[in-house]
Amino acid sequence: MFSLTFEHLQPLKFFVWGIIAGGLLFYAFLGIFVFKDSIYS
């Protein structure tokens, strides 16, 4: 029973971590572009 639920939760964990990592990368690149814009203007 425990191994079954663990196997079901494993892909979900990778999915959540993927969303978190993707969001952090997106906001990091967004912040870099905004920062560059404010420097050049």
N, C-alpha and C. Protein backbone atom coordinates (compact mmCIF):
# COMPACT_ATOMS: atom_id res chain seq x y z
N MET A 1 0.84 -1.20 0.00
CA MET A 1 0.00 0.00 0.00
C MET A 1 0.88 1.26 0.00
N PHE A 2 1.90 1.25 0.87
CA PHE A 2 2.76 2.43 0.95
C PHE A 2 3.59 2.60 -0.32
N SER A 3 4.09 1.46 -0.85
CA SER A 3 4.89 1.53 -2.07
C SER A 3 4.05 2.01 -3.25
N LEU A 4 2.77 1.64 -3.25
CA LEU A 4 1.88 2.05 -4.33
C LEU A 4 1.69 3.57 -4.31
N THR A 5 1.40 4.11 -3.13
CA THR A 5 1.19 5.55 -3.02
C THR A 5 2.50 6.29 -3.29
N PHE A 6 3.63 5.71 -2.88
CA PHE A 6 4.93 6.34 -3.12
C PHE A 6 5.21 6.42 -4.62
N GLU A 7 4.87 5.34 -5.35
CA GLU A 7 5.08 5.34 -6.80
C GLU A 7 4.17 6.36 -7.48
N HIS A 8 2.99 6.57 -6.92
CA HIS A 8 2.07 7.55 -7.50
C HIS A 8 2.51 8.98 -7.19
N LEU A 9 3.15 9.16 -6.05
CA LEU A 9 3.57 10.51 -5.66
C LEU A 9 4.89 10.92 -6.31
N GLN A 10 5.68 9.95 -6.76
CA GLN A 10 6.99 10.26 -7.33
C GLN A 10 6.91 11.17 -8.57
N PRO A 11 6.10 10.85 -9.59
CA PRO A 11 6.01 11.75 -10.75
C PRO A 11 5.45 13.11 -10.37
N LEU A 12 4.52 13.13 -9.40
CA LEU A 12 3.93 14.40 -8.97
C LEU A 12 4.99 15.31 -8.36
N LYS A 13 5.92 14.70 -7.62
CA LYS A 13 7.00 15.48 -7.00
C LYS A 13 7.89 16.11 -8.07
N PHE A 14 8.24 15.32 -9.08
CA PHE A 14 9.06 15.86 -10.16
C PHE A 14 8.31 16.96 -10.92
N PHE A 15 6.99 16.78 -11.08
CA PHE A 15 6.17 17.78 -11.77
C PHE A 15 6.16 19.09 -11.00
N VAL A 16 5.98 19.00 -9.68
CA VAL A 16 5.95 20.21 -8.85
C VAL A 16 7.32 20.90 -8.85
N TRP A 17 8.40 20.11 -8.72
CA TRP A 17 9.75 20.69 -8.75
C TRP A 17 10.05 21.32 -10.10
N GLY A 18 9.51 20.71 -11.18
CA GLY A 18 9.72 21.28 -12.51
C GLY A 18 9.05 22.64 -12.65
N ILE A 19 7.84 22.75 -12.09
CA ILE A 19 7.12 24.03 -12.13
C ILE A 19 7.86 25.08 -11.32
N ILE A 20 8.35 24.69 -10.13
CA ILE A 20 9.06 25.64 -9.27
C ILE A 20 10.35 26.11 -9.95
N ALA A 21 11.12 25.15 -10.49
CA ALA A 21 12.39 25.50 -11.14
C ALA A 21 12.13 26.35 -12.38
N GLY A 22 11.11 25.99 -13.17
CA GLY A 22 10.78 26.75 -14.37
C GLY A 22 10.34 28.17 -14.03
N GLY A 23 9.56 28.31 -12.97
CA GLY A 23 9.10 29.63 -12.55
C GLY A 23 10.26 30.49 -12.08
N LEU A 24 11.18 29.89 -11.32
CA LEU A 24 12.33 30.65 -10.83
C LEU A 24 13.21 31.09 -12.00
N LEU A 25 13.44 30.20 -12.97
CA LEU A 25 14.25 30.57 -14.14
C LEU A 25 13.57 31.67 -14.93
N PHE A 26 12.24 31.57 -15.10
CA PHE A 26 11.49 32.58 -15.85
C PHE A 26 11.62 33.95 -15.20
N TYR A 27 11.41 34.01 -13.87
CA TYR A 27 11.49 35.30 -13.18
C TYR A 27 12.92 35.82 -13.13
N ALA A 28 13.90 34.90 -13.10
CA ALA A 28 15.30 35.33 -13.11
C ALA A 28 15.64 35.99 -14.44
N PHE A 29 15.27 35.37 -15.55
CA PHE A 29 15.52 35.96 -16.87
C PHE A 29 14.74 37.25 -17.04
N LEU A 30 13.49 37.29 -16.55
CA LEU A 30 12.68 38.50 -16.63
C LEU A 30 13.35 39.63 -15.86
N GLY A 31 13.85 39.31 -14.66
CA GLY A 31 14.53 40.32 -13.85
C GLY A 31 15.80 40.82 -14.52
N ILE A 32 16.53 39.92 -15.18
CA ILE A 32 17.77 40.31 -15.87
C ILE A 32 17.44 41.27 -17.02
N PHE A 33 16.41 40.96 -17.80
CA PHE A 33 16.05 41.82 -18.92
C PHE A 33 15.57 43.18 -18.44
N VAL A 34 14.77 43.22 -17.37
CA VAL A 34 14.30 44.50 -16.83
C VAL A 34 15.47 45.30 -16.28
N PHE A 35 16.40 44.62 -15.62
CA PHE A 35 17.57 45.28 -15.04
C PHE A 35 18.44 45.87 -16.15
N LYS A 36 18.66 45.10 -17.24
CA LYS A 36 19.43 45.60 -18.38
C LYS A 36 18.74 46.82 -18.99
N ASP A 37 17.42 46.75 -19.13
CA ASP A 37 16.66 47.85 -19.71
C ASP A 37 16.83 49.12 -18.88
N SER A 38 16.77 49.00 -17.56
CA SER A 38 16.88 50.18 -16.71
C SER A 38 18.30 50.75 -16.73
N ILE A 39 19.29 49.90 -17.01
CA ILE A 39 20.68 50.38 -17.09
C ILE A 39 20.89 51.17 -18.39
N TYR A 40 20.42 50.63 -19.50
CA TYR A 40 20.67 51.25 -20.81
C TYR A 40 19.83 52.50 -21.05
N SER A 41 18.70 52.63 -20.39
CA SER A 41 17.83 53.78 -20.67
C SER A 41 18.20 55.01 -19.85
